[in-house]
């Protein structure tokens, strides 16, 4: 990160009462260039200028904050597990110095980063709010200022004790969110869990009964394993398609480099009536590979074996992901496979709700 941070409102506040804003890149900081939008510099000053255009009463309600920028800004479409790990380590290093954190991130993989951070920062005792925007900060009609404003407000609520996403007036659990629209301002949704909070007029309302602060007292502290162990494609994501053949599935799962796989099945957990497909899955599971399944439907759960078309999946060693998002299921596989756990421990922990992801 670039240091020292820019501190527009924080000079008179104790460090432990400030919010740390970590700017990683994304559309929000881009500016027009001859060849199109490209990352722009001096984001802290630009952010302060944007927030200074809020109505005075809203400016006065902003928490004290500081901004740090990554030296090399990240296009979120190029983010990797190592990106997730670096962010978690940076938060861990600064944890006791700040009351909360805002992560500014590109929207393409924002929900993936939020889900991974939630696993790494288990037992979090303060807010981490991930946000970004669909339009650059200075663009006409940009959603950036509203998202920054709301993220700062929720990051200052000590009752919020988990990784969240704030976007378009809504606060979502980080491990329950998906990007649902490529263009609309309300790009993110939480299809299988209610909002953790929302903007109501000029108020930012948190619903503590839905949050981990009350649900996970005594949870384990951070787990920040070495994600280099799963950063070279060791986990694959396979969505079924009509006509999928066993040899195609085997081409993925028989590769000795593959340690785990997320299968996206039809409906409540169905796959084609082909015993050879189950044989491929059973062989991979028997080799110690961690296999999990979710539905291709954005809403609802998988129930392996509820229909004849899904019978045999559990016997083949495939774990049910219930109503988990693809982001939460994939990053959970990554998190577990990055740790020195036995296969049985990995399987048991996948089936256990660690951070409200299932």
Protein backbone atom coordinates (compact mmCIF):
# COMPACT_ATOMS: atom_id res chain seq x y z
CA UNK A 1 0.00 0.00 0.00
CA UNK A 2 1.04 3.58 -0.53
CA UNK A 3 1.88 5.30 2.73
CA UNK A 4 1.36 7.62 4.52
CA UNK A 5 -2.41 7.76 4.14
CA UNK A 6 -4.35 10.87 3.29
CA UNK A 7 -6.39 12.02 6.29
CA UNK A 8 -8.96 14.67 5.33
CA UNK A 9 -11.12 14.39 8.44
CA UNK A 10 -8.95 12.48 10.86
CA UNK A 11 -6.37 14.89 12.24
CA UNK A 12 -8.17 15.49 15.54
CA UNK A 13 -9.46 11.95 16.06
CA UNK A 14 -7.73 9.11 17.89
CA UNK A 15 -6.53 6.55 15.36
CA UNK A 16 -8.73 3.83 16.86
CA UNK A 17 -11.87 5.82 16.03
CA UNK A 18 -11.05 6.25 12.33
CA UNK A 19 -12.04 4.21 9.30
CA UNK A 20 -9.30 2.94 7.00
CA UNK A 21 -10.23 3.10 3.32
CA UNK A 22 -8.16 0.78 1.10
CA UNK A 23 -8.34 1.70 -2.58
CA UNK A 24 -7.44 -1.26 -4.81
CA UNK A 25 -8.62 0.04 -8.19
CA UNK A 26 -11.72 -0.48 -10.32
CA UNK A 27 -14.09 1.62 -12.39
CA UNK A 28 -14.64 4.06 -9.54
CA UNK A 29 -11.17 5.57 -9.93
CA UNK A 30 -10.95 5.57 -13.71
CA UNK A 31 -10.67 8.69 -15.83
CA UNK A 32 -11.04 9.28 -19.59
CA UNK A 33 -7.88 8.86 -21.66
CA UNK A 34 -7.23 8.84 -25.39
CA UNK A 35 -7.75 5.08 -25.60
CA UNK A 36 -10.70 4.94 -23.22
CA UNK A 37 -11.15 4.71 -19.47
CA UNK A 38 -7.97 3.95 -17.53
CA UNK A 39 -6.97 4.06 -13.85
CA UNK A 40 -6.57 7.62 -12.59
CA UNK A 41 -4.21 8.88 -9.94
CA UNK A 42 -4.57 10.72 -6.62
CA UNK A 43 -7.76 8.93 -5.63
CA UNK A 44 -7.73 10.15 -1.99
CA UNK A 45 -7.96 13.80 -3.05
CA UNK A 46 -10.64 13.00 -5.62
CA UNK A 47 -12.67 11.05 -3.07
CA UNK A 48 -12.49 13.93 -0.58
CA UNK A 49 -13.60 16.36 -3.28
CA UNK A 50 -16.58 14.17 -4.17
CA UNK A 51 -17.69 13.79 -0.55
CA UNK A 52 -17.37 17.55 -0.06
CA UNK A 53 -20.28 17.94 -2.49
CA UNK A 54 -22.63 16.10 -0.14
CA UNK A 55 -25.17 18.24 1.72
CA UNK A 56 -23.56 19.80 4.77
CA UNK A 57 -25.51 17.71 7.27
CA UNK A 58 -24.31 14.52 5.55
CA UNK A 59 -20.72 15.76 5.48
CA UNK A 60 -20.89 16.42 9.19
CA UNK A 61 -22.12 12.88 9.87
CA UNK A 62 -19.20 11.23 8.04
CA UNK A 63 -16.78 9.32 10.26
CA UNK A 64 -13.12 10.31 10.33
CA UNK A 65 -11.28 8.28 7.72
CA UNK A 66 -7.92 7.76 6.10
CA UNK A 67 -7.21 6.50 2.60
CA UNK A 68 -4.41 4.27 1.40
CA UNK A 69 -3.95 3.23 -2.22
CA UNK A 70 -2.27 0.15 -3.57
CA UNK A 71 0.81 1.13 -5.53
CA UNK A 72 -0.24 -1.22 -8.34
CA UNK A 73 -3.97 -0.84 -8.89
CA UNK A 74 -5.92 -4.01 -9.60
CA UNK A 75 -8.35 -4.54 -12.45
CA UNK A 76 -10.75 -6.78 -10.58
CA UNK A 77 -11.15 -9.09 -13.56
CA UNK A 78 -7.48 -9.94 -13.04
CA UNK A 79 -7.81 -10.58 -9.30
CA UNK A 80 -6.57 -13.93 -8.00
CA UNK A 81 -6.55 -15.80 -4.67
CA UNK A 82 -3.29 -14.00 -3.96
CA UNK A 83 -5.17 -10.70 -4.22
CA UNK A 84 -7.64 -11.93 -1.62
CA UNK A 85 -4.80 -13.03 0.63
CA UNK A 86 -3.01 -9.69 0.38
CA UNK A 87 -6.13 -7.77 1.34
CA UNK A 88 -6.78 -10.02 4.34
CA UNK A 89 -3.19 -9.61 5.51
CA UNK A 90 -3.36 -5.82 5.14
CA UNK A 91 -6.54 -5.69 7.23
CA UNK A 92 -5.00 -8.03 9.79
CA UNK A 93 -1.90 -5.84 10.05
CA UNK A 94 -3.99 -2.70 10.67
CA UNK A 95 -6.84 -4.30 12.61
CA UNK A 96 -6.43 -2.75 16.04
CA UNK A 97 -5.54 0.69 14.67
CA UNK A 98 -8.95 1.37 13.11
CA UNK A 99 -12.62 1.05 14.03
CA UNK A 100 -13.60 -0.29 10.63
CA UNK A 101 -12.49 -0.75 7.04
CA UNK A 102 -13.79 0.17 3.60
CA UNK A 103 -12.37 -1.74 0.62
CA UNK A 104 -12.81 0.00 -2.74
CA UNK A 105 -12.77 -2.64 -5.46
CA UNK A 106 -13.76 -3.20 -9.08
CA UNK A 107 -17.21 -4.69 -9.43
CA UNK A 108 -16.44 -7.66 -11.70
CA UNK A 109 -15.06 -9.85 -8.90
CA UNK A 110 -16.04 -7.74 -5.89
CA UNK A 111 -18.33 -10.45 -4.48
CA UNK A 112 -15.54 -13.05 -4.83
CA UNK A 113 -13.15 -10.91 -2.82
CA UNK A 114 -15.80 -10.23 -0.17
CA UNK A 115 -16.55 -13.94 0.24
CA UNK A 116 -12.87 -14.86 0.51
CA UNK A 117 -12.22 -12.11 3.06
CA UNK A 118 -15.11 -13.40 5.17
CA UNK A 119 -13.46 -16.84 5.48
CA UNK A 120 -10.03 -15.42 6.18
CA UNK A 121 -11.30 -12.92 8.75
CA UNK A 122 -13.44 -15.33 10.78
CA UNK A 123 -14.35 -13.95 14.17
CA UNK A 124 -14.06 -10.36 12.93
CA UNK A 125 -15.04 -7.88 15.64
CA UNK A 126 -15.51 -4.75 13.50
CA UNK A 127 -16.94 -3.79 10.10
CA UNK A 128 -15.31 -4.49 6.75
CA UNK A 129 -17.38 -2.97 3.93
CA UNK A 130 -16.50 -3.63 0.29
CA UNK A 131 -17.80 -1.22 -2.33
CA UNK A 132 -17.15 0.23 -5.76
CA UNK A 133 -19.23 1.79 -8.50
CA UNK A 134 -20.63 1.16 -11.94
CA UNK A 135 -19.50 4.58 -13.21
CA UNK A 136 -16.27 6.50 -12.53
CA UNK A 137 -16.23 8.94 -9.64
CA UNK A 138 -16.38 12.08 -11.81
CA UNK A 139 -18.77 10.73 -14.46
CA UNK A 140 -22.18 12.42 -14.82
CA UNK A 141 -24.77 10.57 -12.76
CA UNK A 142 -22.13 8.38 -11.10
CA UNK A 143 -23.16 6.09 -8.28
CA UNK A 144 -19.69 6.34 -6.74
CA UNK A 145 -20.30 9.09 -4.19
CA UNK A 146 -23.46 7.46 -2.81
CA UNK A 147 -21.68 4.12 -2.47
CA UNK A 148 -18.67 5.67 -0.74
CA UNK A 149 -20.92 7.63 1.60
CA UNK A 150 -22.91 4.56 2.62
CA UNK A 151 -19.86 2.35 2.98
CA UNK A 152 -18.26 4.85 5.35
CA UNK A 153 -21.44 5.13 7.40
CA UNK A 154 -21.77 1.37 7.87
CA UNK A 155 -18.04 0.94 8.51
CA UNK A 156 -18.51 3.20 11.54
CA UNK A 157 -21.14 0.95 13.17
CA UNK A 158 -19.41 -1.19 15.83
CA UNK A 159 -22.32 -3.62 15.99
CA UNK A 160 -21.51 -4.68 12.43
CA UNK A 161 -18.90 -7.42 12.82
CA UNK A 162 -18.43 -9.13 9.48
CA UNK A 163 -17.42 -8.62 5.86
CA UNK A 164 -20.18 -6.95 3.87
CA UNK A 165 -20.90 -5.28 0.54
CA UNK A 166 -22.55 -1.88 0.35
CA UNK A 167 -23.97 -0.98 -3.03
CA UNK A 168 -26.94 1.07 -4.24
CA UNK A 169 -28.38 1.68 -0.78
CA UNK A 170 -28.15 -1.92 0.40
CA UNK A 171 -25.84 -3.69 2.84
CA UNK A 172 -25.32 -7.36 1.92
CA UNK A 173 -23.46 -10.19 3.63
CA UNK A 174 -20.24 -10.60 1.70
CA UNK A 175 -20.55 -14.38 1.52
CA UNK A 176 -24.16 -14.21 0.34
CA UNK A 177 -23.86 -11.72 -2.51
CA UNK A 178 -23.62 -12.03 -6.28
CA UNK A 179 -23.21 -9.52 -9.08
CA UNK A 180 -26.53 -9.81 -10.86
CA UNK A 181 -26.32 -7.05 -13.50
CA UNK A 182 -23.51 -5.85 -15.74
CA UNK A 183 -24.79 -2.28 -16.10
CA UNK A 184 -27.46 -1.30 -13.55
CA UNK A 185 -26.62 0.71 -10.45
CA UNK A 186 -28.14 -1.99 -8.23
CA UNK A 187 -25.68 -4.53 -9.60
CA UNK A 188 -25.49 -6.72 -6.48
CA UNK A 189 -28.07 -8.92 -4.81
CA UNK A 190 -28.30 -11.40 -1.95
CA UNK A 191 -30.66 -14.00 -3.39
CA UNK A 192 -30.91 -16.36 -0.41
CA UNK A 193 -30.39 -14.09 2.62
CA UNK A 194 -32.08 -10.84 3.69
CA UNK A 195 -30.34 -7.48 3.68
CA UNK A 196 -28.10 -6.73 6.65
CA UNK A 197 -28.93 -3.05 6.37
CA UNK A 198 -30.07 -0.32 4.02
CA UNK A 199 -30.27 3.38 3.49
CA UNK A 200 -33.62 4.82 4.54
CA UNK A 201 -33.75 8.51 3.65
CA UNK A 202 -30.66 10.02 5.25
CA UNK A 203 -30.33 7.18 7.76
CA UNK A 204 -28.20 4.06 7.41
CA UNK A 205 -30.05 1.31 9.23
CA UNK A 206 -28.33 -1.90 10.37
CA UNK A 207 -30.41 -4.96 11.32
CA UNK A 208 -28.32 -6.63 14.05
CA UNK A 209 -30.53 -9.71 14.37
CA UNK A 210 -29.39 -10.71 10.87
CA UNK A 211 -25.70 -10.13 11.50
CA UNK A 212 -22.84 -12.25 12.77
CA UNK A 213 -22.16 -9.94 15.71
CA UNK A 214 -24.96 -11.68 17.61
CA UNK A 215 -24.79 -15.06 15.88
CA UNK A 216 -21.10 -15.87 16.19
CA UNK A 217 -19.83 -14.83 19.59
CA UNK A 218 -16.76 -16.87 20.44
CA UNK A 219 -16.01 -17.72 16.83
CA UNK A 220 -12.41 -18.59 15.95
CA UNK A 221 -10.03 -15.81 15.05
CA UNK A 222 -8.54 -15.12 11.67
CA UNK A 223 -7.31 -17.86 9.33
CA UNK A 224 -4.97 -16.46 6.70
CA UNK A 225 -3.31 -19.52 5.14
CA UNK A 226 -0.94 -19.50 2.20
CA UNK A 227 -3.15 -19.11 -0.86
CA UNK A 228 -0.20 -19.82 -3.14
CA UNK A 229 -1.21 -23.46 -2.66
CA UNK A 230 -4.41 -22.91 -4.65
CA UNK A 231 -3.47 -20.00 -6.93
CA UNK A 232 -2.54 -21.96 -10.07
CA UNK A 233 -5.91 -23.38 -11.05
CA UNK A 234 -6.06 -26.21 -8.52
CA UNK A 235 -9.81 -25.68 -8.09
CA UNK A 236 -12.14 -25.85 -11.09
CA UNK A 237 -15.71 -24.70 -11.58
CA UNK A 238 -17.87 -26.80 -13.88
CA UNK A 239 -21.41 -25.83 -14.87
CA UNK A 240 -23.36 -28.67 -16.48
CA UNK A 241 -24.72 -28.29 -19.98
CA UNK A 242 -27.10 -30.50 -21.97
CA UNK A 243 -25.05 -33.25 -23.57
CA UNK A 244 -22.11 -33.18 -21.17
CA UNK A 245 -20.17 -36.44 -21.43
CA UNK A 246 -18.15 -38.35 -18.89
CA UNK A 247 -14.92 -37.90 -20.85
CA UNK A 248 -15.36 -34.13 -20.67
CA UNK A 249 -15.85 -34.20 -16.91
CA UNK A 250 -12.93 -36.59 -16.58
CA UNK A 251 -10.67 -34.24 -18.56
CA UNK A 252 -11.08 -31.75 -15.72
CA UNK A 253 -11.10 -34.00 -12.70
CA UNK A 254 -8.43 -36.53 -13.65
CA UNK A 255 -5.75 -33.85 -13.96
CA UNK A 256 -3.34 -34.45 -11.10
CA UNK A 257 -3.07 -30.71 -10.46
CA UNK A 258 -6.76 -30.43 -9.56
CA UNK A 259 -7.46 -30.55 -5.81
CA UNK A 260 -11.13 -29.61 -5.78
CA UNK A 261 -14.12 -28.78 -7.93
CA UNK A 262 -17.35 -26.82 -7.70
CA UNK A 263 -20.14 -28.40 -9.73
CA UNK A 264 -23.14 -26.32 -10.74
CA UNK A 265 -26.02 -28.71 -11.24
CA UNK A 266 -29.52 -28.24 -12.57
CA UNK A 267 -32.46 -27.38 -10.34
CA UNK A 268 -32.32 -28.93 -6.89
CA UNK A 269 -29.23 -30.96 -7.76
CA UNK A 270 -29.79 -32.96 -10.92
CA UNK A 271 -27.41 -34.27 -13.55
CA UNK A 272 -27.85 -36.42 -16.68
CA UNK A 273 -28.81 -40.08 -16.28
CA UNK A 274 -25.35 -41.37 -17.11
CA UNK A 275 -23.65 -43.76 -14.65
CA UNK A 276 -20.30 -42.89 -16.19
CA UNK A 277 -20.62 -39.33 -14.87
CA UNK A 278 -21.06 -40.63 -11.33
CA UNK A 279 -18.10 -42.97 -11.83
CA UNK A 280 -15.89 -40.00 -12.74
CA UNK A 281 -17.03 -38.12 -9.65
CA UNK A 282 -16.57 -41.11 -7.36
CA UNK A 283 -13.07 -41.75 -8.70
CA UNK A 284 -12.05 -38.12 -8.19
CA UNK A 285 -13.48 -38.07 -4.68
CA UNK A 286 -11.71 -41.35 -3.90
CA UNK A 287 -8.43 -39.74 -4.96
CA UNK A 288 -8.91 -37.17 -2.20
CA UNK A 289 -10.31 -34.33 -4.27
CA UNK A 290 -12.83 -32.06 -2.57
CA UNK A 291 -16.03 -31.94 -4.65
CA UNK A 292 -19.05 -29.75 -3.90
CA UNK A 293 -22.28 -28.98 -5.72
CA UNK A 294 -24.64 -26.02 -5.90
CA UNK A 295 -27.52 -25.18 -8.21
CA UNK A 296 -27.25 -23.18 -11.40
CA UNK A 297 -30.39 -21.37 -10.21
CA UNK A 298 -29.51 -18.15 -8.37
CA UNK A 299 -32.25 -18.78 -5.80
CA UNK A 300 -32.98 -21.89 -3.79
CA UNK A 301 -30.92 -24.83 -2.56
CA UNK A 302 -29.61 -28.10 -3.84
CA UNK A 303 -31.00 -31.25 -2.22
CA UNK A 304 -28.81 -34.07 -3.47
CA UNK A 305 -30.89 -37.16 -4.09
CA UNK A 306 -34.27 -35.43 -3.81
CA UNK A 307 -34.89 -36.40 -7.46
CA UNK A 308 -33.86 -39.58 -9.20
CA UNK A 309 -31.71 -37.47 -11.54
CA UNK A 310 -29.51 -36.53 -8.60
CA UNK A 311 -29.43 -39.91 -6.92
CA UNK A 312 -25.94 -41.20 -6.25
CA UNK A 313 -24.17 -37.86 -5.94
CA UNK A 314 -23.70 -38.16 -2.17
CA UNK A 315 -22.50 -41.74 -2.55
CA UNK A 316 -19.97 -40.45 -5.08
CA UNK A 317 -18.58 -38.13 -2.42
CA UNK A 318 -20.10 -34.87 -3.66
CA UNK A 319 -20.88 -32.38 -0.87
CA UNK A 320 -24.04 -30.30 -0.86
CA UNK A 321 -23.52 -26.54 -1.01
CA UNK A 322 -27.15 -25.91 -0.02
CA UNK A 323 -28.04 -22.33 -1.10
CA UNK A 324 -24.49 -21.01 -1.27
CA UNK A 325 -23.51 -18.59 -4.02
CA UNK A 326 -20.87 -19.71 -6.53
CA UNK A 327 -18.53 -17.15 -4.98
CA UNK A 328 -19.03 -18.44 -1.44
CA UNK A 329 -18.74 -22.10 -2.42
CA UNK A 330 -15.64 -21.65 -4.59
CA UNK A 331 -13.77 -19.44 -2.14
CA UNK A 332 -14.65 -21.84 0.68
CA UNK A 333 -13.10 -24.72 -1.25
CA UNK A 334 -10.04 -22.55 -1.83
CA UNK A 335 -9.83 -21.60 1.83
CA UNK A 336 -10.08 -25.17 3.06
CA UNK A 337 -7.67 -26.59 0.50
CA UNK A 338 -5.08 -23.96 1.39
CA UNK A 339 -4.89 -25.35 4.93
CA UNK A 340 -3.16 -28.49 6.26
CA UNK A 341 -6.41 -30.26 7.05
CA UNK A 342 -7.32 -33.89 6.53
CA UNK A 343 -9.82 -34.60 3.80
CA UNK A 344 -12.40 -35.53 6.43
CA UNK A 345 -11.87 -32.22 8.24
CA UNK A 346 -12.17 -30.34 4.95
CA UNK A 347 -15.41 -32.14 4.13
CA UNK A 348 -16.85 -31.52 7.60
CA UNK A 349 -15.95 -27.84 7.58
CA UNK A 350 -17.42 -27.37 4.10
CA UNK A 351 -20.73 -28.68 5.42
CA UNK A 352 -20.56 -26.36 8.46
CA UNK A 353 -21.60 -22.72 8.33
CA UNK A 354 -18.42 -20.82 9.18
CA UNK A 355 -19.41 -17.22 8.50
CA UNK A 356 -23.12 -17.36 7.70
CA UNK A 357 -22.51 -18.49 4.13
CA UNK A 358 -25.03 -21.35 4.27
